Every structure is written in structure tokens, then in C-alpha cells.
Amino acid sequence: MVREEAHRVAAAIATIALVVDVPLVVIGGGIGLNGSVLLDPVRTRLAQLVPYPPRVQISELGDAASVIGAVCVAARTAWPQVVSARLATALATAMP
């Protein structure tokens, strides 16, 4: 079962790696929780599928990876809007 799952994960990574030159793939979530068992077989299979395989690592964030990523994207998007709006308001009220 481990080998079959590792082959599926490696095939998914290979599909992306053959189209986009990614230097690193980070595996998280449920698959990442089993990284100690899956990581070596995924790397081995990926090396068979792709001439220049990316580095594969397990996320250090565990189950929280997708939530933390979503929060980071939201903050990165909202921050300029919030700062710009407050700055514009402050400038508008400060001008005589």
C-alpha cells in the first residue's frame, strides 16, 4: 500500500515537474503526516519518472499548512488595501 501511494504521489509531482521547473515540492496535510513512511519511496519513484526531479520535503506545518497558507495569502492581499485606505483617509482629513 505504501509503495502504491508513493507511486501515485510521485506521478502527481512528476506531472507538474515536467511542465513547470519547480525546485522544491512540499508535501503537507494527510500525506505529509505519513512522510516518514512515504518520503523515500516518493523520491525514488520521482527520480525514475523525471530527468531532473525537484527536492521533496515534508511540511513542518503538518495539518495546519493549508490554513496557514490561506491566512498568509489573505493577509498579503488585504494589507495593501487596508494601509492604502487608511492612508488616503488620513491624508484627506489632514488637508485643509
N, C-alpha and C. Protein backbone atom coordinates (compact mmCIF):
# COMPACT_ATOMS: atom_id res chain seq x y z
N MET A 1 0.82 -1.19 0.00
CA MET A 1 0.00 0.00 0.00
C MET A 1 0.87 1.26 0.00
N VAL A 2 1.92 1.22 0.78
CA VAL A 2 2.80 2.38 0.85
C VAL A 2 3.43 2.65 -0.51
N ARG A 3 3.91 1.60 -1.14
CA ARG A 3 4.54 1.76 -2.46
C ARG A 3 3.54 2.30 -3.47
N GLU A 4 2.33 1.78 -3.48
CA GLU A 4 1.30 2.24 -4.41
C GLU A 4 0.97 3.72 -4.18
N GLU A 5 0.82 4.10 -2.93
CA GLU A 5 0.54 5.51 -2.62
C GLU A 5 1.71 6.39 -3.00
N ALA A 6 2.93 5.94 -2.75
CA ALA A 6 4.12 6.69 -3.12
C ALA A 6 4.19 6.87 -4.64
N HIS A 7 3.81 5.86 -5.38
CA HIS A 7 3.81 5.96 -6.85
C HIS A 7 2.78 6.98 -7.32
N ARG A 8 1.63 7.02 -6.67
CA ARG A 8 0.60 8.00 -7.04
C ARG A 8 1.05 9.42 -6.74
N VAL A 9 1.63 9.61 -5.57
CA VAL A 9 2.12 10.94 -5.20
C VAL A 9 3.24 11.36 -6.15
N ALA A 10 4.16 10.46 -6.43
CA ALA A 10 5.27 10.77 -7.35
C ALA A 10 4.75 11.08 -8.75
N ALA A 11 3.74 10.37 -9.20
CA ALA A 11 3.17 10.63 -10.53
C ALA A 11 2.55 12.03 -10.59
N ALA A 12 1.88 12.42 -9.52
CA ALA A 12 1.28 13.75 -9.48
C ALA A 12 2.36 14.83 -9.50
N ILE A 13 3.41 14.63 -8.72
CA ILE A 13 4.52 15.59 -8.69
C ILE A 13 5.22 15.62 -10.05
N ALA A 14 5.43 14.45 -10.65
CA ALA A 14 6.10 14.37 -11.95
C ALA A 14 5.33 15.13 -13.02
N THR A 15 4.01 15.04 -13.00
CA THR A 15 3.18 15.75 -13.98
C THR A 15 3.45 17.24 -13.92
N ILE A 16 3.54 17.77 -12.72
CA ILE A 16 3.79 19.20 -12.55
C ILE A 16 5.25 19.52 -12.89
N ALA A 17 6.16 18.70 -12.41
CA ALA A 17 7.59 18.95 -12.61
C ALA A 17 8.00 18.91 -14.08
N LEU A 18 7.30 18.14 -14.89
CA LEU A 18 7.62 18.07 -16.31
C LEU A 18 7.15 19.31 -17.07
N VAL A 19 6.20 20.03 -16.49
CA VAL A 19 5.67 21.23 -17.14
C VAL A 19 6.29 22.49 -16.56
N VAL A 20 6.45 22.52 -15.25
CA VAL A 20 6.96 23.68 -14.54
C VAL A 20 8.25 23.28 -13.84
N ASP A 21 9.27 24.07 -14.00
CA ASP A 21 10.56 23.76 -13.38
C ASP A 21 10.54 24.19 -11.92
N VAL A 22 10.02 23.31 -11.07
CA VAL A 22 9.94 23.62 -9.64
C VAL A 22 11.15 23.04 -8.92
N PRO A 23 11.82 23.83 -8.09
CA PRO A 23 12.99 23.31 -7.38
C PRO A 23 12.63 22.51 -6.13
N LEU A 24 11.44 22.76 -5.59
CA LEU A 24 11.07 22.14 -4.33
C LEU A 24 9.58 21.86 -4.30
N VAL A 25 9.22 20.67 -3.82
CA VAL A 25 7.82 20.32 -3.59
C VAL A 25 7.69 20.00 -2.11
N VAL A 26 6.74 20.66 -1.46
CA VAL A 26 6.50 20.43 -0.05
C VAL A 26 5.19 19.68 0.08
N ILE A 27 5.25 18.54 0.75
CA ILE A 27 4.07 17.71 0.94
C ILE A 27 3.53 17.95 2.33
N GLY A 28 2.25 18.27 2.41
CA GLY A 28 1.61 18.54 3.69
C GLY A 28 0.32 17.76 3.82
N GLY A 29 -0.47 18.15 4.79
CA GLY A 29 -1.76 17.53 5.02
C GLY A 29 -1.63 16.08 5.44
N GLY A 30 -2.62 15.28 5.07
CA GLY A 30 -2.64 13.87 5.44
C GLY A 30 -1.47 13.08 4.88
N ILE A 31 -1.08 13.41 3.66
CA ILE A 31 0.06 12.72 3.06
C ILE A 31 1.33 13.09 3.82
N GLY A 32 1.45 14.36 4.17
CA GLY A 32 2.62 14.81 4.90
C GLY A 32 2.74 14.19 6.28
N LEU A 33 1.60 13.87 6.88
CA LEU A 33 1.63 13.24 8.20
C LEU A 33 2.26 11.85 8.13
N ASN A 34 2.23 11.24 6.96
CA ASN A 34 2.84 9.92 6.76
C ASN A 34 4.18 10.04 6.04
N GLY A 35 4.78 11.20 6.12
CA GLY A 35 6.02 11.47 5.41
C GLY A 35 7.17 10.56 5.77
N SER A 36 7.23 10.15 7.01
CA SER A 36 8.35 9.29 7.41
C SER A 36 8.32 7.97 6.65
N VAL A 37 7.14 7.55 6.24
CA VAL A 37 7.00 6.29 5.50
C VAL A 37 7.04 6.53 3.99
N LEU A 38 6.48 7.63 3.54
CA LEU A 38 6.31 7.88 2.11
C LEU A 38 7.47 8.61 1.43
N LEU A 39 8.21 9.41 2.17
CA LEU A 39 9.17 10.31 1.55
C LEU A 39 10.20 9.60 0.68
N ASP A 40 10.87 8.60 1.20
CA ASP A 40 11.89 7.90 0.41
C ASP A 40 11.32 7.20 -0.82
N PRO A 41 10.19 6.48 -0.70
CA PRO A 41 9.63 5.86 -1.91
C PRO A 41 9.16 6.89 -2.95
N VAL A 42 8.65 8.03 -2.49
CA VAL A 42 8.24 9.08 -3.43
C VAL A 42 9.46 9.62 -4.17
N ARG A 43 10.53 9.90 -3.44
CA ARG A 43 11.74 10.40 -4.08
C ARG A 43 12.32 9.40 -5.07
N THR A 44 12.32 8.13 -4.70
CA THR A 44 12.86 7.09 -5.58
C THR A 44 12.05 7.00 -6.86
N ARG A 45 10.73 6.96 -6.73
CA ARG A 45 9.86 6.84 -7.91
C ARG A 45 9.95 8.10 -8.77
N LEU A 46 10.01 9.26 -8.14
CA LEU A 46 10.10 10.51 -8.87
C LEU A 46 11.37 10.57 -9.70
N ALA A 47 12.46 10.06 -9.15
CA ALA A 47 13.73 10.02 -9.89
C ALA A 47 13.63 9.12 -11.13
N GLN A 48 12.75 8.14 -11.09
CA GLN A 48 12.54 7.26 -12.24
C GLN A 48 11.66 7.92 -13.30
N LEU A 49 10.82 8.86 -12.88
CA LEU A 49 9.85 9.47 -13.79
C LEU A 49 10.32 10.77 -14.44
N VAL A 50 11.21 11.50 -13.75
CA VAL A 50 11.60 12.84 -14.20
C VAL A 50 13.12 12.92 -14.29
N PRO A 51 13.65 13.46 -15.40
CA PRO A 51 15.10 13.53 -15.54
C PRO A 51 15.77 14.39 -14.47
N TYR A 52 15.13 15.49 -14.09
CA TYR A 52 15.66 16.38 -13.06
C TYR A 52 14.57 16.60 -12.01
N PRO A 53 14.43 15.65 -11.10
CA PRO A 53 13.34 15.76 -10.12
C PRO A 53 13.57 16.88 -9.11
N PRO A 54 12.48 17.52 -8.68
CA PRO A 54 12.62 18.53 -7.64
C PRO A 54 12.91 17.89 -6.29
N ARG A 55 13.44 18.67 -5.38
CA ARG A 55 13.58 18.20 -4.00
C ARG A 55 12.19 18.02 -3.42
N VAL A 56 12.01 17.00 -2.64
CA VAL A 56 10.71 16.75 -1.99
C VAL A 56 10.95 16.73 -0.49
N GLN A 57 10.15 17.54 0.21
CA GLN A 57 10.25 17.60 1.66
C GLN A 57 8.86 17.56 2.27
N ILE A 58 8.81 17.21 3.53
CA ILE A 58 7.56 17.18 4.26
C ILE A 58 7.38 18.53 4.95
N SER A 59 6.18 19.05 4.90
CA SER A 59 5.88 20.32 5.55
C SER A 59 6.09 20.23 7.05
N GLU A 60 6.69 21.25 7.59
CA GLU A 60 6.87 21.31 9.04
C GLU A 60 5.62 21.84 9.73
N LEU A 61 4.62 22.26 8.92
CA LEU A 61 3.40 22.82 9.48
C LEU A 61 2.33 21.77 9.74
N GLY A 62 2.53 20.55 9.26
CA GLY A 62 1.57 19.48 9.50
C GLY A 62 0.20 19.77 8.92
N ASP A 63 -0.85 19.46 9.67
CA ASP A 63 -2.23 19.67 9.22
C ASP A 63 -2.57 21.13 8.99
N ALA A 64 -1.86 22.03 9.65
CA ALA A 64 -2.19 23.45 9.59
C ALA A 64 -1.66 24.13 8.33
N ALA A 65 -0.96 23.42 7.48
CA ALA A 65 -0.31 24.03 6.32
C ALA A 65 -1.30 24.80 5.44
N SER A 66 -2.42 24.20 5.09
CA SER A 66 -3.36 24.87 4.18
C SER A 66 -4.01 26.07 4.85
N VAL A 67 -4.31 25.97 6.13
CA VAL A 67 -4.91 27.10 6.84
C VAL A 67 -3.92 28.25 6.96
N ILE A 68 -2.69 27.94 7.33
CA ILE A 68 -1.67 28.98 7.45
C ILE A 68 -1.40 29.63 6.09
N GLY A 69 -1.36 28.82 5.05
CA GLY A 69 -1.17 29.36 3.70
C GLY A 69 -2.31 30.29 3.30
N ALA A 70 -3.54 29.90 3.59
CA ALA A 70 -4.70 30.74 3.27
C ALA A 70 -4.65 32.06 4.02
N VAL A 71 -4.27 32.01 5.29
CA VAL A 71 -4.16 33.23 6.09
C VAL A 71 -3.07 34.14 5.52
N CYS A 72 -1.95 33.57 5.12
CA CYS A 72 -0.87 34.37 4.54
C CYS A 72 -1.30 35.05 3.25
N VAL A 73 -2.01 34.32 2.39
CA VAL A 73 -2.49 34.90 1.13
C VAL A 73 -3.49 36.01 1.42
N ALA A 74 -4.39 35.76 2.35
CA ALA A 74 -5.39 36.78 2.70
C ALA A 74 -4.72 38.03 3.27
N ALA A 75 -3.75 37.84 4.15
CA ALA A 75 -3.06 38.98 4.75
C ALA A 75 -2.28 39.76 3.70
N ARG A 76 -1.60 39.05 2.81
CA ARG A 76 -0.82 39.70 1.76
C ARG A 76 -1.73 40.51 0.83
N THR A 77 -2.93 40.01 0.59
CA THR A 77 -3.88 40.71 -0.28
C THR A 77 -4.52 41.89 0.44
N ALA A 78 -4.91 41.69 1.69
CA ALA A 78 -5.64 42.71 2.43
C ALA A 78 -4.75 43.84 2.92
N TRP A 79 -3.53 43.55 3.29
CA TRP A 79 -2.65 44.56 3.89
C TRP A 79 -2.52 45.83 3.05
N PRO A 80 -2.17 45.73 1.77
CA PRO A 80 -2.04 46.97 0.98
C PRO A 80 -3.36 47.74 0.89
N GLN A 81 -4.47 47.03 0.80
CA GLN A 81 -5.76 47.69 0.70
C GLN A 81 -6.09 48.44 1.98
N VAL A 82 -5.84 47.80 3.12
CA VAL A 82 -6.12 48.42 4.41
C VAL A 82 -5.21 49.62 4.62
N VAL A 83 -3.93 49.46 4.36
CA VAL A 83 -2.98 50.56 4.55
C VAL A 83 -3.31 51.70 3.60
N SER A 84 -3.58 51.40 2.34
CA SER A 84 -3.90 52.44 1.36
C SER A 84 -5.15 53.20 1.75
N ALA A 85 -6.18 52.48 2.18
CA ALA A 85 -7.44 53.12 2.57
C ALA A 85 -7.24 54.02 3.78
N ARG A 86 -6.51 53.55 4.78
CA ARG A 86 -6.28 54.36 5.98
C ARG A 86 -5.40 55.57 5.68
N LEU A 87 -4.40 55.36 4.85
CA LEU A 87 -3.52 56.46 4.49
C LEU A 87 -4.30 57.52 3.70
N ALA A 88 -5.12 57.09 2.77
CA ALA A 88 -5.92 58.03 1.97
C ALA A 88 -6.87 58.80 2.88
N THR A 89 -7.49 58.13 3.84
CA THR A 89 -8.40 58.78 4.77
C THR A 89 -7.64 59.78 5.63
N ALA A 90 -6.48 59.37 6.14
CA ALA A 90 -5.68 60.25 6.98
C ALA A 90 -5.24 61.49 6.20
N LEU A 91 -4.83 61.30 4.97
CA LEU A 91 -4.39 62.44 4.15
C LEU A 91 -5.55 63.36 3.81
N ALA A 92 -6.71 62.78 3.53
CA ALA A 92 -7.87 63.58 3.18
C ALA A 92 -8.35 64.42 4.37
N THR A 93 -8.28 63.88 5.56
CA THR A 93 -8.73 64.64 6.73
C THR A 93 -7.66 65.61 7.21
N ALA A 94 -6.41 65.38 6.89
CA ALA A 94 -5.32 66.24 7.33
C ALA A 94 -5.20 67.49 6.45
N MET A 95 -5.68 67.41 5.21
CA MET A 95 -5.56 68.53 4.27
C MET A 95 -6.64 69.57 4.59
N PRO A 96 -6.24 70.84 4.59
CA PRO A 96 -7.24 71.90 4.88
C PRO A 96 -8.19 72.14 3.75
